[in-house]
Amino acid sequence: MHFVLLATHDPDVCPTANATTRDLMLKTAPEMPNLAQKAGVSIVAGPFVNREHTIVAVVQSEKAENVDRFLMEARLPHWNRVRVLPSLTMEEALVEVEAQTPIF
């Protein structure tokens, strides 16, 4: 299953403004692919960062628990609020839509 990860943080803990967060990010970011693999997670896209203090990534794993373990090992929740959205590919969603009976 795919999971969309949306991580947001306040400007005061942004790595561009906070030396402690910057050091943590510089230490953990290069390890993210290894941390993901170790947790049973494949990084499909991202992580992408922007000036809105938001990080977006798409990952794939058989279990949500693996995604949670990856997040904790990457230490993203230490300085972000992280939303994990279980998601389907468009092709998978179309199969589900076709199988459902409309209510209206």
PDB file of N, CA and C in Angstrom:
ATOM      1  N   MET A   1       0.838  -1.176   0.000  1.00  0.00           N
ATOM      2  CA  MET A   1       0.000   0.000   0.000  1.00  0.00           C
ATOM      3  C   MET A   1       0.885   1.241   0.000  1.00  0.00           C
ATOM      4  N   HIS A   2       0.382   2.268  -0.641  1.00  0.00           N
ATOM      5  CA  HIS A   2       1.073   3.552  -0.643  1.00  0.00           C
ATOM      6  C   HIS A   2       0.603   4.393   0.542  1.00  0.00           C
ATOM      7  N   PHE A   3       1.500   5.231   1.026  1.00  0.00           N
ATOM      8  CA  PHE A   3       1.191   6.171   2.088  1.00  0.00           C
ATOM      9  C   PHE A   3       1.764   7.524   1.694  1.00  0.00           C
ATOM     10  N   VAL A   4       0.936   8.558   1.798  1.00  0.00           N
ATOM     11  CA  VAL A   4       1.407   9.922   1.582  1.00  0.00           C
ATOM     12  C   VAL A   4       1.748  10.483   2.952  1.00  0.00           C
ATOM     13  N   LEU A   5       2.963  10.975   3.089  1.00  0.00           N
ATOM     14  CA  LEU A   5       3.422  11.552   4.354  1.00  0.00           C
ATOM     15  C   LEU A   5       3.447  13.067   4.215  1.00  0.00           C
ATOM     16  N   LEU A   6       2.742  13.732   5.104  1.00  0.00           N
ATOM     17  CA  LEU A   6       2.724  15.193   5.146  1.00  0.00           C
ATOM     18  C   LEU A   6       3.272  15.620   6.501  1.00  0.00           C
ATOM     19  N   ALA A   7       4.445  16.199   6.493  1.00  0.00           N
ATOM     20  CA  ALA A   7       5.081  16.624   7.734  1.00  0.00           C
ATOM     21  C   ALA A   7       5.169  18.145   7.745  1.00  0.00           C
ATOM     22  N   THR A   8       4.660  18.761   8.793  1.00  0.00           N
ATOM     23  CA  THR A   8       4.705  20.220   8.909  1.00  0.00           C
ATOM     24  C   THR A   8       5.383  20.601  10.217  1.00  0.00           C
ATOM     25  N   HIS A   9       6.044  21.744  10.186  1.00  0.00           N
ATOM     26  CA  HIS A   9       6.709  22.230  11.392  1.00  0.00           C
ATOM     27  C   HIS A   9       6.566  23.752  11.458  1.00  0.00           C
ATOM     28  N   ASP A  10       6.767  24.275  12.643  1.00  0.00           N
ATOM     29  CA  ASP A  10       6.707  25.716  12.851  1.00  0.00           C
ATOM     30  C   ASP A  10       8.029  26.353  12.428  1.00  0.00           C
ATOM     31  N   PRO A  11       7.998  27.631  12.051  1.00  0.00           N
ATOM     32  CA  PRO A  11       9.228  28.298  11.615  1.00  0.00           C
ATOM     33  C   PRO A  11      10.347  28.262  12.654  1.00  0.00           C
ATOM     34  N   ASP A  12      10.002  28.274  13.931  1.00  0.00           N
ATOM     35  CA  ASP A  12      11.053  28.312  14.948  1.00  0.00           C
ATOM     36  C   ASP A  12      11.833  27.008  15.092  1.00  0.00           C
ATOM     37  N   VAL A  13      11.315  25.899  14.539  1.00  0.00           N
ATOM     38  CA  VAL A  13      12.065  24.645  14.550  1.00  0.00           C
ATOM     39  C   VAL A  13      12.528  24.253  13.150  1.00  0.00           C
ATOM     40  N   CYS A  14      12.314  25.127  12.179  1.00  0.00           N
ATOM     41  CA  CYS A  14      12.736  24.863  10.804  1.00  0.00           C
ATOM     42  C   CYS A  14      14.262  24.754  10.764  1.00  0.00           C
ATOM     43  N   PRO A  15      14.781  23.784  10.025  1.00  0.00           N
ATOM     44  CA  PRO A  15      16.239  23.649   9.931  1.00  0.00           C
ATOM     45  C   PRO A  15      16.950  24.889   9.404  1.00  0.00           C
ATOM     46  N   THR A  16      16.219  25.763   8.719  1.00  0.00           N
ATOM     47  CA  THR A  16      16.851  26.994   8.239  1.00  0.00           C
ATOM     48  C   THR A  16      16.992  28.036   9.335  1.00  0.00           C
ATOM     49  N   ALA A  17      16.297  27.834  10.464  1.00  0.00           N
ATOM     50  CA  ALA A  17      16.323  28.811  11.551  1.00  0.00           C
ATOM     51  C   ALA A  17      16.832  28.243  12.870  1.00  0.00           C
ATOM     52  N   ASN A  18      16.809  26.936  13.025  1.00  0.00           N
ATOM     53  CA  ASN A  18      17.105  26.303  14.305  1.00  0.00           C
ATOM     54  C   ASN A  18      18.334  25.403  14.145  1.00  0.00           C
ATOM     55  N   ALA A  19      19.405  25.730  14.851  1.00  0.00           N
ATOM     56  CA  ALA A  19      20.662  24.988  14.712  1.00  0.00           C
ATOM     57  C   ALA A  19      20.534  23.537  15.151  1.00  0.00           C
ATOM     58  N   THR A  20      19.765  23.279  16.200  1.00  0.00           N
ATOM     59  CA  THR A  20      19.602  21.904  16.675  1.00  0.00           C
ATOM     60  C   THR A  20      18.880  21.055  15.632  1.00  0.00           C
ATOM     61  N   THR A  21      17.793  21.606  15.072  1.00  0.00           N
ATOM     62  CA  THR A  21      17.058  20.877  14.037  1.00  0.00           C
ATOM     63  C   THR A  21      17.911  20.709  12.791  1.00  0.00           C
ATOM     64  N   ARG A  22      18.666  21.732  12.437  1.00  0.00           N
ATOM     65  CA  ARG A  22      19.550  21.647  11.269  1.00  0.00           C
ATOM     66  C   ARG A  22      20.544  20.506  11.439  1.00  0.00           C
ATOM     67  N   ASP A  23      21.174  20.423  12.614  1.00  0.00           N
ATOM     68  CA  ASP A  23      22.136  19.350  12.864  1.00  0.00           C
ATOM     69  C   ASP A  23      21.469  17.980  12.771  1.00  0.00           C
ATOM     70  N   LEU A  24      20.267  17.861  13.340  1.00  0.00           N
ATOM     71  CA  LEU A  24      19.536  16.599  13.285  1.00  0.00           C
ATOM     72  C   LEU A  24      19.205  16.233  11.843  1.00  0.00           C
ATOM     73  N   MET A  25      18.725  17.197  11.075  1.00  0.00           N
ATOM     74  CA  MET A  25      18.354  16.928   9.680  1.00  0.00           C
ATOM     75  C   MET A  25      19.574  16.557   8.852  1.00  0.00           C
ATOM     76  N   LEU A  26      20.674  17.283   9.029  1.00  0.00           N
ATOM     77  CA  LEU A  26      21.885  16.982   8.270  1.00  0.00           C
ATOM     78  C   LEU A  26      22.430  15.596   8.609  1.00  0.00           C
ATOM     79  N   LYS A  27      22.177  15.152   9.822  1.00  0.00           N
ATOM     80  CA  LYS A  27      22.631  13.824  10.240  1.00  0.00           C
ATOM     81  C   LYS A  27      21.715  12.719   9.704  1.00  0.00           C
ATOM     82  N   THR A  28      20.401  12.931   9.762  1.00  0.00           N
ATOM     83  CA  THR A  28      19.463  11.854   9.423  1.00  0.00           C
ATOM     84  C   THR A  28      19.082  11.818   7.938  1.00  0.00           C
ATOM     85  N   ALA A  29      19.062  12.934   7.258  1.00  0.00           N
ATOM     86  CA  ALA A  29      18.607  12.956   5.853  1.00  0.00           C
ATOM     87  C   ALA A  29      19.391  12.001   4.947  1.00  0.00           C
ATOM     88  N   PRO A  30      20.720  11.966   5.030  1.00  0.00           N
ATOM     89  CA  PRO A  30      21.441  11.036   4.155  1.00  0.00           C
ATOM     90  C   PRO A  30      21.143   9.561   4.469  1.00  0.00           C
ATOM     91  N   GLU A  31      20.681   9.281   5.671  1.00  0.00           N
ATOM     92  CA  GLU A  31      20.392   7.911   6.088  1.00  0.00           C
ATOM     93  C   GLU A  31      18.971   7.465   5.763  1.00  0.00           C
ATOM     94  N   MET A  32      18.117   8.387   5.297  1.00  0.00           N
ATOM     95  CA  MET A  32      16.704   8.044   5.075  1.00  0.00           C
ATOM     96  C   MET A  32      16.495   6.832   4.179  1.00  0.00           C
ATOM     97  N   PRO A  33      17.176   6.708   3.046  1.00  0.00           N
ATOM     98  CA  PRO A  33      16.958   5.500   2.233  1.00  0.00           C
ATOM     99  C   PRO A  33      17.277   4.212   2.995  1.00  0.00           C
ATOM    100  N   ASN A  34      18.364   4.214   3.759  1.00  0.00           N
ATOM    101  CA  ASN A  34      18.725   3.030   4.543  1.00  0.00           C
ATOM    102  C   ASN A  34      17.729   2.771   5.668  1.00  0.00           C
ATOM    103  N   LEU A  35      17.291   3.828   6.342  1.00  0.00           N
ATOM    104  CA  LEU A  35      16.312   3.690   7.420  1.00  0.00           C
ATOM    105  C   LEU A  35      14.997   3.144   6.884  1.00  0.00           C
ATOM    106  N   ALA A  36      14.599   3.627   5.714  1.00  0.00           N
ATOM    107  CA  ALA A  36      13.361   3.145   5.100  1.00  0.00           C
ATOM    108  C   ALA A  36      13.480   1.661   4.766  1.00  0.00           C
ATOM    109  N   GLN A  37      14.555   1.293   4.118  1.00  0.00           N
ATOM    110  CA  GLN A  37      14.739  -0.111   3.737  1.00  0.00           C
ATOM    111  C   GLN A  37      14.749  -1.005   4.961  1.00  0.00           C
ATOM    112  N   LYS A  38      15.435  -0.582   6.007  1.00  0.00           N
ATOM    113  CA  LYS A  38      15.512  -1.360   7.246  1.00  0.00           C
ATOM    114  C   LYS A  38      14.141  -1.556   7.879  1.00  0.00           C
ATOM    115  N   ALA A  39      13.254  -0.568   7.709  1.00  0.00           N
ATOM    116  CA  ALA A  39      11.908  -0.634   8.289  1.00  0.00           C
ATOM    117  C   ALA A  39      10.912  -1.343   7.377  1.00  0.00           C
ATOM    118  N   GLY A  40      11.332  -1.741   6.182  1.00  0.00           N
ATOM    119  CA  GLY A  40      10.412  -2.385   5.252  1.00  0.00           C
ATOM    120  C   GLY A  40       9.584  -1.399   4.457  1.00  0.00           C
ATOM    121  N   VAL A  41      10.166  -0.245   4.174  1.00  0.00           N
ATOM    122  CA  VAL A  41       9.476   0.836   3.461  1.00  0.00           C
ATOM    123  C   VAL A  41      10.280   1.188   2.220  1.00  0.00           C
ATOM    124  N   SER A  42       9.591   1.432   1.115  1.00  0.00           N
ATOM    125  CA  SER A  42      10.221   1.927  -0.112  1.00  0.00           C
ATOM    126  C   SER A  42       9.797   3.371  -0.310  1.00  0.00           C
ATOM    127  N   ILE A  43      10.750   4.238  -0.563  1.00  0.00           N
ATOM    128  CA  ILE A  43      10.434   5.633  -0.852  1.00  0.00           C
ATOM    129  C   ILE A  43      10.100   5.721  -2.335  1.00  0.00           C
ATOM    130  N   VAL A  44       8.866   6.101  -2.647  1.00  0.00           N
ATOM    131  CA  VAL A  44       8.385   6.184  -4.027  1.00  0.00           C
ATOM    132  C   VAL A  44       8.688   7.562  -4.610  1.00  0.00           C
ATOM    133  N   ALA A  45       8.465   8.602  -3.824  1.00  0.00           N
ATOM    134  CA  ALA A  45       8.710   9.979  -4.279  1.00  0.00           C
ATOM    135  C   ALA A  45       9.055  10.847  -3.085  1.00  0.00           C
ATOM    136  N   GLY A  46       9.963  11.769  -3.315  1.00  0.00           N
ATOM    137  CA  GLY A  46      10.336  12.700  -2.260  1.00  0.00           C
ATOM    138  C   GLY A  46      11.477  12.140  -1.427  1.00  0.00           C
ATOM    139  N   PRO A  47      11.659  12.731  -0.289  1.00  0.00           N
ATOM    140  CA  PRO A  47      10.902  13.827   0.289  1.00  0.00           C
ATOM    141  C   PRO A  47      11.107  15.145  -0.475  1.00  0.00           C
ATOM    142  N   PHE A  48      10.008  15.892  -0.575  1.00  0.00           N
ATOM    143  CA  PHE A  48      10.021  17.218  -1.177  1.00  0.00           C
ATOM    144  C   PHE A  48       9.839  18.235  -0.066  1.00  0.00           C
ATOM    145  N   VAL A  49      10.578  19.320  -0.111  1.00  0.00           N
ATOM    146  CA  VAL A  49      10.462  20.385   0.880  1.00  0.00           C
ATOM    147  C   VAL A  49      10.064  21.675   0.180  1.00  0.00           C
ATOM    148  N   ASN A  50       9.534  22.610   0.944  1.00  0.00           N
ATOM    149  CA  ASN A  50       9.102  23.874   0.365  1.00  0.00           C
ATOM    150  C   ASN A  50       9.151  24.966   1.420  1.00  0.00           C
ATOM    151  N   ARG A  51       8.821  26.153   1.022  1.00  0.00           N
ATOM    152  CA  ARG A  51       8.885  27.297   1.930  1.00  0.00           C
ATOM    153  C   ARG A  51       7.654  27.417   2.838  1.00  0.00           C
ATOM    154  N   GLU A  52       6.784  26.455   2.765  1.00  0.00           N
ATOM    155  CA  GLU A  52       5.598  26.428   3.621  1.00  0.00           C
ATOM    156  C   GLU A  52       5.831  25.577   4.866  1.00  0.00           C
ATOM    157  N   HIS A  53       7.086  25.218   5.121  1.00  0.00           N
ATOM    158  CA  HIS A  53       7.444  24.395   6.279  1.00  0.00           C
ATOM    159  C   HIS A  53       6.717  23.054   6.236  1.00  0.00           C
ATOM    160  N   THR A  54       6.664  22.483   5.044  1.00  0.00           N
ATOM    161  CA  THR A  54       5.985  21.212   4.817  1.00  0.00           C
ATOM    162  C   THR A  54       6.918  20.282   4.042  1.00  0.00           C
ATOM    163  N   ILE A  55       6.921  19.031   4.464  1.00  0.00           N
ATOM    164  CA  ILE A  55       7.667  17.983   3.770  1.00  0.00           C
ATOM    165  C   ILE A  55       6.638  16.994   3.238  1.00  0.00           C
ATOM    166  N   VAL A  56       6.776  16.601   1.980  1.00  0.00           N
ATOM    167  CA  VAL A  56       5.850  15.650   1.364  1.00  0.00           C
ATOM    168  C   VAL A  56       6.662  14.477   0.829  1.00  0.00           C
ATOM    169  N   ALA A  57       6.199  13.275   1.122  1.00  0.00           N
ATOM    170  CA  ALA A  57       6.828  12.072   0.573  1.00  0.00           C
ATOM    171  C   ALA A  57       5.753  11.038   0.317  1.00  0.00           C
ATOM    172  N   VAL A  58       6.019  10.168  -0.629  1.00  0.00           N
ATOM    173  CA  VAL A  58       5.151   9.025  -0.892  1.00  0.00           C
ATOM    174  C   VAL A  58       6.003   7.785  -0.659  1.00  0.00           C
ATOM    175  N   VAL A  59       5.491   6.900   0.178  1.00  0.00           N
ATOM    176  CA  VAL A  59       6.215   5.666   0.470  1.00  0.00           C
ATOM    177  C   VAL A  59       5.294   4.476   0.229  1.00  0.00           C
ATOM    178  N   GLN A  60       5.885   3.306   0.157  1.00  0.00           N
ATOM    179  CA  GLN A  60       5.118   2.084  -0.027  1.00  0.00           C
ATOM    180  C   GLN A  60       5.587   1.069   1.000  1.00  0.00           C
ATOM    181  N   SER A  61       4.611   0.372   1.600  1.00  0.00           N
ATOM    182  CA  SER A  61       4.921  -0.668   2.562  1.00  0.00           C
ATOM    183  C   SER A  61       3.713  -1.576   2.710  1.00  0.00           C
ATOM    184  N   GLU A  62       3.964  -2.790   3.141  1.00  0.00           N
ATOM    185  CA  GLU A  62       2.864  -3.717   3.359  1.00  0.00           C
ATOM    186  C   GLU A  62       2.100  -3.401   4.639  1.00  0.00           C
ATOM    187  N   LYS A  63       2.767  -2.745   5.596  1.00  0.00           N
ATOM    188  CA  LYS A  63       2.120  -2.468   6.880  1.00  0.00           C
ATOM    189  C   LYS A  63       2.355  -1.027   7.318  1.00  0.00           C
ATOM    190  N   ALA A  64       1.319  -0.440   7.897  1.00  0.00           N
ATOM    191  CA  ALA A  64       1.436   0.917   8.435  1.00  0.00           C
ATOM    192  C   ALA A  64       2.459   0.970   9.559  1.00  0.00           C
ATOM    193  N   GLU A  65       2.602  -0.124  10.285  1.00  0.00           N
ATOM    194  CA  GLU A  65       3.567  -0.179  11.387  1.00  0.00           C
ATOM    195  C   GLU A  65       4.994   0.051  10.876  1.00  0.00           C
ATOM    196  N   ASN A  66       5.274  -0.428   9.663  1.00  0.00           N
ATOM    197  CA  ASN A  66       6.596  -0.206   9.073  1.00  0.00           C
ATOM    198  C   ASN A  66       6.836   1.275   8.804  1.00  0.00           C
ATOM    199  N   VAL A  67       5.791   1.943   8.335  1.00  0.00           N
ATOM    200  CA  VAL A  67       5.894   3.384   8.065  1.00  0.00           C
ATOM    201  C   VAL A  67       6.139   4.129   9.373  1.00  0.00           C
ATOM    202  N   ASP A  68       5.423   3.758  10.408  1.00  0.00           N
ATOM    203  CA  ASP A  68       5.614   4.386  11.717  1.00  0.00           C
ATOM    204  C   ASP A  68       7.045   4.173  12.218  1.00  0.00           C
ATOM    205  N   ARG A  69       7.547   2.962  12.068  1.00  0.00           N
ATOM    206  CA  ARG A  69       8.923   2.666  12.510  1.00  0.00           C
ATOM    207  C   ARG A  69       9.928   3.508  11.715  1.00  0.00           C
ATOM    208  N   PHE A  70       9.705   3.629  10.402  1.00  0.00           N
ATOM    209  CA  PHE A  70      10.576   4.465   9.575  1.00  0.00           C
ATOM    210  C   PHE A  70      10.570   5.912  10.058  1.00  0.00           C
ATOM    211  N   LEU A  71       9.381   6.450  10.309  1.00  0.00           N
ATOM    212  CA  LEU A  71       9.284   7.841  10.764  1.00  0.00           C
ATOM    213  C   LEU A  71      10.047   8.049  12.063  1.00  0.00           C
ATOM    214  N   MET A  72       9.900   7.107  12.985  1.00  0.00           N
ATOM    215  CA  MET A  72      10.586   7.253  14.269  1.00  0.00           C
ATOM    216  C   MET A  72      12.099   7.133  14.106  1.00  0.00           C
ATOM    217  N   GLU A  73      12.551   6.200  13.270  1.00  0.00           N
ATOM    218  CA  GLU A  73      13.990   6.046  13.039  1.00  0.00           C
ATOM    219  C   GLU A  73      14.570   7.281  12.340  1.00  0.00           C
ATOM    220  N   ALA A  74      13.792   7.882  11.444  1.00  0.00           N
ATOM    221  CA  ALA A  74      14.223   9.090  10.736  1.00  0.00           C
ATOM    222  C   ALA A  74      14.086  10.326  11.618  1.00  0.00           C
ATOM    223  N   ARG A  75      13.392  10.176  12.728  1.00  0.00           N
ATOM    224  CA  ARG A  75      13.203  11.232  13.739  1.00  0.00           C
ATOM    225  C   ARG A  75      12.390  12.417  13.234  1.00  0.00           C
ATOM    226  N   LEU A  76      11.599  12.196  12.190  1.00  0.00           N
ATOM    227  CA  LEU A  76      10.753  13.280  11.678  1.00  0.00           C
ATOM    228  C   LEU A  76       9.742  13.775  12.704  1.00  0.00           C
ATOM    229  N   PRO A  77       9.117  12.907  13.505  1.00  0.00           N
ATOM    230  CA  PRO A  77       8.156  13.415  14.492  1.00  0.00           C
ATOM    231  C   PRO A  77       8.799  14.245  15.605  1.00  0.00           C
ATOM    232  N   HIS A  78      10.118  14.233  15.709  1.00  0.00           N
ATOM    233  CA  HIS A  78      10.784  15.038  16.738  1.00  0.00           C
ATOM    234  C   HIS A  78      10.645  16.531  16.470  1.00  0.00           C
ATOM    235  N   TRP A  79      10.467  16.885  15.196  1.00  0.00           N
ATOM    236  CA  TRP A  79      10.345  18.307  14.889  1.00  0.00           C
ATOM    237  C   TRP A  79       9.225  18.615  13.897  1.00  0.00           C
ATOM    238  N   ASN A  80       8.369  17.613  13.633  1.00  0.00           N
ATOM    239  CA  ASN A  80       7.246  17.788  12.703  1.00  0.00           C
ATOM    240  C   ASN A  80       5.973  17.162  13.251  1.00  0.00           C
ATOM    241  N   ARG A  81       4.857  17.694  12.810  1.00  0.00           N
ATOM    242  CA  ARG A  81       3.577  16.998  12.952  1.00  0.00           C
ATOM    243  C   ARG A  81       3.440  16.193  11.666  1.00  0.00           C
ATOM    244  N   VAL A  82       3.295  14.889  11.765  1.00  0.00           N
ATOM    245  CA  VAL A  82       3.296  14.037  10.581  1.00  0.00           C
ATOM    246  C   VAL A  82       1.931  13.386  10.401  1.00  0.00           C
ATOM    247  N   ARG A  83       1.338  13.616   9.250  1.00  0.00           N
ATOM    248  CA  ARG A  83       0.098  12.923   8.864  1.00  0.00           C
ATOM    249  C   ARG A  83       0.473  11.810   7.909  1.00  0.00           C
ATOM    250  N   VAL A  84      -0.084  10.636   8.156  1.00  0.00           N
ATOM    251  CA  VAL A  84       0.160   9.477   7.297  1.00  0.00           C
ATOM    252  C   VAL A  84      -1.169   9.132   6.650  1.00  0.00           C
ATOM    253  N   LEU A  85      -1.239   9.292   5.334  1.00  0.00           N
ATOM    254  CA  LEU A  85      -2.475   9.050   4.600  1.00  0.00           C
ATOM    255  C   LEU A  85      -2.367   7.784   3.769  1.00  0.00           C
ATOM    256  N   PRO A  86      -3.019   6.688   4.205  1.00  0.00           N
ATOM    257  CA  PRO A  86      -3.037   5.497   3.354  1.00  0.00           C
ATOM    258  C   PRO A  86      -3.678   5.878   2.016  1.00  0.00           C
ATOM    259  N   SER A  87      -3.045   5.478   0.934  1.00  0.00           N
ATOM    260  CA  SER A  87      -3.499   5.929  -0.381  1.00  0.00           C
ATOM    261  C   SER A  87      -3.437   4.800  -1.392  1.00  0.00           C
ATOM    262  N   LEU A  88      -4.215   4.979  -2.445  1.00  0.00           N
ATOM    263  CA  LEU A  88      -4.240   4.036  -3.557  1.00  0.00           C
ATOM    264  C   LEU A  88      -3.716   4.722  -4.802  1.00  0.00           C
ATOM    265  N   THR A  89      -3.183   3.933  -5.715  1.00  0.00           N
ATOM    266  CA  THR A  89      -2.874   4.492  -7.029  1.00  0.00           C
ATOM    267  C   THR A  89      -4.207   4.767  -7.724  1.00  0.00           C
ATOM    268  N   MET A  90      -4.183   5.586  -8.751  1.00  0.00           N
ATOM    269  CA  MET A  90      -5.413   5.869  -9.484  1.00  0.00           C
ATOM    270  C   MET A  90      -6.004   4.585 -10.055  1.00  0.00           C
ATOM    271  N   GLU A  91      -5.160   3.711 -10.560  1.00  0.00           N
ATOM    272  CA  GLU A  91      -5.650   2.449 -11.112  1.00  0.00           C
ATOM    273  C   GLU A  91      -6.362   1.613 -10.046  1.00  0.00           C
ATOM    274  N   GLU A  92      -5.790   1.536  -8.854  1.00  0.00           N
ATOM    275  CA  GLU A  92      -6.425   0.795  -7.755  1.00  0.00           C
ATOM    276  C   GLU A  92      -7.738   1.444  -7.346  1.00  0.00           C
ATOM    277  N   ALA A  93      -7.759   2.766  -7.316  1.00  0.00           N
ATOM    278  CA  ALA A  93      -8.978   3.483  -6.942  1.00  0.00           C
ATOM    279  C   ALA A  93     -10.084   3.242  -7.965  1.00  0.00           C
ATOM    280  N   LEU A  94      -9.732   3.214  -9.240  1.00  0.00           N
ATOM    281  CA  LEU A  94     -10.738   2.978 -10.277  1.00  0.00           C
ATOM    282  C   LEU A  94     -11.365   1.595 -10.141  1.00  0.00           C
ATOM    283  N   VAL A  95     -10.577   0.599  -9.788  1.00  0.00           N
ATOM    284  CA  VAL A  95     -11.119  -0.742  -9.560  1.00  0.00           C
ATOM    285  C   VAL A  95     -12.109  -0.709  -8.405  1.00  0.00           C
ATOM    286  N   GLU A  96     -11.761  -0.015  -7.320  1.00  0.00           N
ATOM    287  CA  GLU A  96     -12.665   0.091  -6.178  1.00  0.00           C
ATOM    288  C   GLU A  96     -13.945   0.843  -6.543  1.00  0.00           C
ATOM    289  N   VAL A  97     -13.814   1.919  -7.302  1.00  0.00           N
ATOM    290  CA  VAL A  97     -14.986   2.705  -7.694  1.00  0.00           C
ATOM    291  C   VAL A  97     -15.922   1.848  -8.548  1.00  0.00           C
ATOM    292  N   GLU A  98     -15.357   1.112  -9.472  1.00  0.00           N
ATOM    293  CA  GLU A  98     -16.188   0.257 -10.326  1.00  0.00           C
ATOM    294  C   GLU A  98     -16.887  -0.845  -9.535  1.00  0.00           C
ATOM    295  N   ALA A  99     -16.297  -1.288  -8.443  1.00  0.00           N
ATOM    296  CA  ALA A  99     -16.883  -2.370  -7.641  1.00  0.00           C
ATOM    297  C   ALA A  99     -17.978  -1.876  -6.692  1.00  0.00           C
ATOM    298  N   GLN A 100     -18.028  -0.586  -6.441  1.00  0.00           N
ATOM    299  CA  GLN A 100     -19.006  -0.021  -5.498  1.00  0.00           C
ATOM    300  C   GLN A 100     -20.328   0.281  -6.185  1.00  0.00           C
ATOM    301  N   THR A 101     -21.381   0.197  -5.417  1.00  0.00           N
ATOM    302  CA  THR A 101     -22.703   0.600  -5.893  1.00  0.00           C
ATOM    303  C   THR A 101     -22.933   2.048  -5.462  1.00  0.00           C
ATOM    304  N   PRO A 102     -23.187   2.960  -6.400  1.00  0.00           N
ATOM    305  CA  PRO A 102     -23.414   4.363  -6.019  1.00  0.00           C
ATOM    306  C   PRO A 102     -24.623   4.495  -5.088  1.00  0.00           C
ATOM    307  N   ILE A 103     -24.537   5.460  -4.189  1.00  0.00           N
ATOM    308  CA  ILE A 103     -25.646   5.672  -3.262  1.00  0.00           C
ATOM    309  C   ILE A 103     -26.595   6.758  -3.757  1.00  0.00           C
ATOM    310  N   PHE A 104     -26.225   7.490  -4.779  1.00  0.00           N
ATOM    311  CA  PHE A 104     -27.091   8.530  -5.324  1.00  0.00           C
ATOM    312  C   PHE A 104     -27.296   8.312  -6.814  1.00  0.00           C
TER     313      PHE A 104
END
